Structure formats: C-alpha cells, structure tokens
Protein backbone atom coordinates (compact mmCIF):
# COMPACT_ATOMS: atom_id res chain seq x y z
CA MET A 1 0.00 0.00 0.00
CA THR A 2 2.88 2.41 0.69
CA LYS A 3 4.14 1.90 -2.87
CA THR A 4 0.78 3.06 -4.24
CA ILE A 5 0.74 6.11 -2.00
CA ARG A 6 4.28 6.99 -3.05
CA ASN A 7 3.38 6.66 -6.74
CA ILE A 8 0.28 8.84 -6.31
CA THR A 9 2.34 11.45 -4.46
CA ILE A 10 4.93 11.51 -7.24
CA LEU A 11 2.20 11.85 -9.87
CA LEU A 12 0.63 14.76 -7.99
CA LEU A 13 4.01 16.49 -7.74
CA ILE A 14 4.54 16.08 -11.47
CA LEU A 15 1.12 17.53 -12.30
CA THR A 16 1.64 20.48 -9.95
CA ALA A 17 5.05 21.28 -11.44
CA LEU A 18 3.65 21.01 -14.97
CA LEU A 19 0.80 23.43 -14.22
CA PHE A 20 3.25 25.84 -12.59
CA VAL A 21 5.62 25.83 -15.56
CA LEU A 22 2.83 26.15 -18.12
CA GLY A 23 1.29 29.03 -16.21
CA CYS A 24 4.53 31.01 -16.12
CA ALA A 25 5.58 30.40 -19.71
CA GLY A 26 2.19 31.09 -21.22
CA SER A 27 2.04 34.75 -20.26
CA SER A 28 4.98 35.88 -22.43
CA ALA A 29 3.91 33.77 -25.39
CA GLU A 30 0.40 35.21 -25.27
CA LEU A 31 1.73 38.76 -25.08
CA LEU A 32 4.01 38.27 -28.06
CA ALA A 33 1.18 36.70 -30.08
CA GLU A 34 -0.96 39.85 -29.77
CA ASP A 35 -1.49 41.96 -32.90
CA TYR A 36 -0.82 45.37 -31.40
CA LYS A 37 -1.27 47.24 -34.69
CA ALA A 38 -4.92 46.18 -34.83
CA MET A 39 -5.63 47.48 -31.29
CA ASN A 40 -7.45 50.70 -30.61
CA ASN A 41 -5.54 53.44 -28.77
CA GLU A 42 -6.81 52.52 -25.30
CA ASN A 43 -6.00 48.81 -25.69
CA LEU A 44 -2.59 49.61 -27.17
CA LEU A 45 -1.72 51.72 -24.14
CA ARG A 46 -2.88 48.92 -21.81
CA TYR A 47 -0.83 46.43 -23.82
CA TYR A 48 2.25 48.66 -23.45
CA TYR A 49 1.89 48.70 -19.66
CA THR A 50 1.23 44.95 -19.56
CA LEU A 51 4.50 44.41 -21.44
CA ASN A 52 6.27 46.56 -18.85
CA ASP A 53 4.77 44.52 -16.02
CA GLU A 54 5.75 41.19 -17.61
CA ILE A 55 9.31 42.39 -18.26
CA GLU A 56 9.59 43.47 -14.63
CA ARG A 57 8.15 40.15 -13.43
CA GLN A 58 10.68 38.17 -15.47
CA GLU A 59 13.61 40.30 -14.35
CA LYS A 60 12.66 39.94 -10.69
CA GLN A 61 11.94 36.25 -10.96
CA SER A 62 14.58 34.71 -8.75
CA GLY A 63 12.99 31.36 -8.09
CA PRO A 64 14.38 28.31 -9.86
CA GLN A 65 12.42 26.08 -12.22
CA PHE A 66 11.59 22.61 -11.00
CA GLY A 67 11.48 19.33 -12.88
CA ILE A 68 10.21 16.02 -11.58
CA GLY A 69 10.81 12.58 -13.04
CA ILE A 70 10.04 8.97 -12.24
CA GLY A 71 11.57 5.79 -13.55
CA GLY A 72 12.17 2.14 -12.88
CA PHE A 73 15.37 0.44 -11.84
CA GLY A 74 16.60 -3.04 -11.06
CA HIS A 75 16.41 -6.30 -12.98
CA GLY A 76 12.71 -7.00 -12.54
CA GLY A 77 11.06 -9.53 -10.31
CA HIS A 78 11.27 -8.72 -6.63
CA HIS A 79 14.48 -6.69 -7.04
CA GLY A 80 12.99 -3.99 -9.29
CA GLY A 81 11.60 -0.71 -8.09
CA VAL A 82 10.27 2.69 -8.98
CA GLY A 83 12.13 5.86 -8.13
CA GLY A 84 11.38 9.53 -8.35
CA GLY A 85 13.53 12.61 -8.48
CA VAL A 86 13.29 16.36 -8.45
CA GLY A 87 15.59 18.56 -10.53
CA VAL A 88 16.23 22.28 -10.33
CA SER A 89 17.10 24.32 -13.39
CA THR A 90 17.69 27.93 -14.34
CA GLY A 91 16.82 27.28 -17.98
CA GLU A 92 14.80 29.67 -20.14
CA SER A 93 11.10 29.34 -20.84
CA GLY A 94 11.46 30.15 -24.55
CA TYR A 95 10.62 33.85 -24.35
CA THR A 96 12.86 36.20 -22.44
CA ALA A 97 12.59 39.74 -21.16
CA ASP A 98 14.69 40.71 -24.22
CA ASP A 99 11.95 39.44 -26.55
CA LEU A 100 9.40 41.45 -24.60
CA ARG A 101 11.64 44.54 -24.63
CA ALA A 102 11.89 44.34 -28.43
CA ARG A 103 8.09 44.17 -28.65
CA ARG A 104 7.77 47.08 -26.21
CA ILE A 105 9.98 49.21 -28.51
CA ASP A 106 7.72 48.36 -31.45
CA VAL A 107 4.65 49.25 -29.41
CA ARG A 108 6.23 52.51 -28.24
CA MET A 109 6.92 53.44 -31.88
CA GLU A 110 3.29 52.67 -32.75
CA LEU A 111 2.09 54.82 -29.84
CA LYS A 112 4.33 57.66 -31.03
CA ARG A 113 3.01 57.29 -34.58
CA ARG A 114 -0.54 57.66 -33.17
CA GLY A 115 0.46 60.70 -31.11
CA ILE A 116 0.08 58.94 -27.74
CA THR A 117 2.60 59.40 -24.94
CA PRO A 118 2.71 56.57 -22.41
C-alpha cells in the first residue's frame, strides 16, 4: 500500500510542477502573439503597460524552475523498483525579457506614430 501512495504522491508532484511551468511560460507567449497594430488606442496603451509589467516580473523572478521525473530500476522480479527525483534548473522558458523589450519598442513606436505618450 505504501508503494501506491508513493506513486500517487509523485504523480501529484509532477502535475503540480507542470501546471506551474505552463502558467509562467504562457504569459509571455500570449503577449508576443498579440497583434498590437490592430488594437485601438486605449487597448494599445494597456498592452504597453502589460509588457512593462511582464518584463519586470521576469527580471525579478529569482525562483528556480523545477522538474520532476520517475523511472524504474533493477532487474525485474522482486528486485525492481520505482524511483522519483526532483531537478532544479535555471533554464529559459522560450521567451525572455529581451523578446518582450523588443516588442515594447515596437509598441512605443506605434504609440508615437498615433500621437500617444505613455
């Protein structure tokens, strides 16, 4: 019974870590997918400030990224087993604050073109 509880606990940890990572990475990707040129002036200004907030969030993000894995070991039979592990990484999520800064420059130029000062 303890083996089942351990496996369920490992599975729950994996699902929690996956949701955490997807939640953090999705924000930048969604921002960069926006078509800012099609926005009205009010939404463009909001978008500009949202970019600023996301850049600040990424620059202040000091927490590491977590990875969890499970696997089997042993030669089978009664000598085999299941193990789990947790890894810590400082890897990138695909979109960086630099990508967002480049978009913010483009948005600032569009605001200037429209005669709006943020």
